[in-house]
Protein backbone atom coordinates (compact mmCIF):
# COMPACT_ATOMS: atom_id res chain seq x y z
CA UNK A 1 55.36 34.84 54.94
CA UNK A 2 54.54 31.75 56.23
CA UNK A 3 52.45 33.03 58.78
CA UNK A 4 50.56 35.17 56.21
CA UNK A 5 50.11 32.33 54.03
CA UNK A 6 48.53 30.58 57.02
CA UNK A 7 46.15 33.46 57.74
CA UNK A 8 44.85 33.87 54.34
CA UNK A 9 44.25 29.92 53.91
CA UNK A 10 42.27 30.33 57.46
CA UNK A 11 40.44 33.31 56.16
CA UNK A 12 39.46 31.27 52.86
CA UNK A 13 38.34 28.27 54.51
CA UNK A 14 36.12 30.33 56.89
CA UNK A 15 34.68 32.12 54.04
CA UNK A 16 34.18 29.04 52.21
CA UNK A 17 32.46 27.42 55.27
CA UNK A 18 30.43 30.60 55.83
CA UNK A 19 29.17 30.27 52.33
CA UNK A 20 28.21 26.70 52.81
CA UNK A 21 26.43 27.31 56.10
CA UNK A 22 23.96 29.75 54.47
CA UNK A 23 23.27 27.38 51.56
CA UNK A 24 22.64 24.87 54.22
CA UNK A 25 20.29 27.58 56.18
CA UNK A 26 18.16 28.55 53.37
CA UNK A 27 17.02 25.05 53.12
CA UNK A 28 15.21 25.38 56.41
CA UNK A 29 12.87 28.17 55.40
CA UNK A 30 9.76 28.20 52.65
CA UNK A 31 8.32 30.65 50.68
CA UNK A 32 6.63 33.94 52.38
CA UNK A 33 3.42 33.39 50.48
CA UNK A 34 0.42 35.71 50.07
CA UNK A 35 -0.16 38.70 52.51
CA UNK A 36 -3.58 40.56 52.20
CA UNK A 37 -4.29 38.46 48.76
CA UNK A 38 -0.76 39.97 47.41
CA UNK A 39 2.67 38.71 47.32
CA UNK A 40 4.83 39.56 50.20
CA UNK A 41 6.85 42.74 49.54
CA UNK A 42 10.63 42.66 49.40
CA UNK A 43 12.88 43.65 52.18
CA UNK A 44 15.31 46.50 51.92
CA UNK A 45 17.80 43.93 50.97
CA UNK A 46 18.79 43.88 47.29
CA UNK A 47 18.32 40.02 46.63
CA UNK A 48 14.51 40.49 45.77
CA UNK A 49 12.51 41.46 42.95
CA UNK A 50 8.63 41.72 42.66
CA UNK A 51 5.94 42.86 40.28
CA UNK A 52 3.30 43.73 42.82
CA UNK A 53 4.64 47.19 44.04
CA UNK A 54 5.67 49.73 41.74
CA UNK A 55 6.53 52.17 44.63
CA UNK A 56 9.35 49.93 45.36
CA UNK A 57 11.61 51.14 42.40
CA UNK A 58 14.73 49.04 43.13
CA UNK A 59 12.84 45.74 43.31
CA UNK A 60 10.30 46.31 40.50
CA UNK A 61 9.78 44.91 37.28
CA UNK A 62 6.38 44.58 35.48
CA UNK A 63 3.96 41.95 35.77
CA UNK A 64 2.98 39.76 32.51
CA UNK A 65 -0.18 40.59 30.92
CA UNK A 66 -2.17 37.72 29.40
CA UNK A 67 -5.19 37.46 27.46
CA UNK A 68 -6.03 33.71 28.05
CA UNK A 69 -4.27 31.91 31.02
CA UNK A 70 -2.97 28.46 30.66
CA UNK A 71 -1.72 27.18 34.11
CA UNK A 72 -0.14 24.28 32.61
CA UNK A 73 2.09 26.05 30.50
CA UNK A 74 2.97 28.25 33.55
CA UNK A 75 3.90 25.11 35.26
CA UNK A 76 5.96 24.14 32.64
CA UNK A 77 7.95 27.27 32.26
CA UNK A 78 8.53 26.97 35.83
CA UNK A 79 10.18 23.69 35.46
CA UNK A 80 11.79 23.80 32.41
CA UNK A 81 13.75 26.91 34.10
CA UNK A 82 14.77 24.65 36.77
CA UNK A 83 12.21 25.32 39.52
CA UNK A 84 10.62 22.66 41.96
CA UNK A 85 6.96 23.42 42.42
CA UNK A 86 6.25 23.49 46.12
CA UNK A 87 2.61 24.99 46.33
CA UNK A 88 0.02 24.98 43.94
CA UNK A 89 -3.18 26.36 44.34
CA UNK A 90 -5.99 28.73 42.93
CA UNK A 91 -4.03 31.80 41.66
CA UNK A 92 -0.85 31.16 43.47
CA UNK A 93 2.03 29.05 42.74
CA UNK A 94 5.39 28.97 44.87
CA UNK A 95 8.40 27.20 43.68
CA UNK A 96 12.05 26.85 44.44
CA UNK A 97 15.23 26.97 42.63
CA UNK A 98 18.37 25.87 44.09
CA UNK A 99 22.10 27.02 43.07
CA UNK A 100 24.37 24.86 41.81
CA UNK A 101 27.67 25.47 43.86
CA UNK A 102 26.70 26.39 47.45
CA UNK A 103 22.95 24.94 47.20
CA UNK A 104 21.46 28.09 48.24
CA UNK A 105 17.39 28.09 47.99
CA UNK A 106 15.95 30.73 46.24
CA UNK A 107 11.72 31.19 46.37
CA UNK A 108 9.80 32.22 42.87
CA UNK A 109 6.11 32.98 43.58
CA UNK A 110 3.33 33.77 41.25
CA UNK A 111 0.02 35.39 41.96
CA UNK A 112 -2.79 35.37 39.23
CA UNK A 113 -4.78 38.45 39.17
CA UNK A 114 -7.94 37.45 37.05
CA UNK A 115 -9.40 40.82 37.16
CA UNK A 116 -6.33 42.65 36.11
CA UNK A 117 -5.29 39.86 33.76
CA UNK A 118 -1.78 39.82 35.26
CA UNK A 119 0.45 37.44 36.41
CA UNK A 120 2.38 38.88 39.31
CA UNK A 121 5.99 37.34 40.47
CA UNK A 122 8.39 37.68 43.25
CA UNK A 123 11.76 36.08 43.06
CA UNK A 124 13.88 36.14 46.41
CA UNK A 125 17.00 34.78 47.87
CA UNK A 126 15.94 33.20 51.31
CA UNK A 127 19.51 34.05 52.81
CA UNK A 128 22.41 36.68 52.18
CA UNK A 129 22.27 40.27 51.12
CA UNK A 130 22.69 40.85 47.54
CA UNK A 131 22.19 38.08 44.52
CA UNK A 132 24.35 39.66 41.94
CA UNK A 133 21.40 40.29 39.81
CA UNK A 134 19.66 36.04 39.77
CA UNK A 135 16.35 37.03 40.69
CA UNK A 136 16.01 39.55 37.88
CA UNK A 137 17.58 37.35 35.45
CA UNK A 138 15.31 34.41 36.65
CA UNK A 139 12.19 36.57 35.84
CA UNK A 140 13.43 37.31 32.59
CA UNK A 141 13.95 33.90 31.66
CA UNK A 142 10.59 32.73 32.94
CA UNK A 143 8.93 35.37 30.86
CA UNK A 144 10.80 34.50 27.99
CA UNK A 145 10.36 30.61 28.38
CA UNK A 146 6.45 31.04 29.22
CA UNK A 147 6.61 33.53 25.64
CA UNK A 148 8.00 30.56 23.87
CA UNK A 149 5.33 27.93 24.94
CA UNK A 150 2.26 29.94 24.50
């Protein structure tokens, strides 16, 4: 029984160390940015949501339609939901969100389509396989926050 307890303790410590390592590793990457003037497509992993590619059903959510663009309100919505702006260019904003427990860094990117009057969003985890719905929830929270500010 004592050996079983020691094995379980070692496995638990190893698992926790791995999660902390992934959190540390996520700090060394950066947002993928635009590819051919569009947000980068999501990989096959279920830790990304993007409004840019409707044919990627498991990663897709509708973009935000707008009549009048207010960049300051967009930035305010990102910051009030916990995002830190890392890049702010014409028609593109990148931000990061950091989880409280293991300090995972996730990328949150916006591309403003002035012709289509759409705000495209990509929210993705930098490491790991699943995000347990965090990125979808983040986009929904951002949309609700932006709507309340406008």
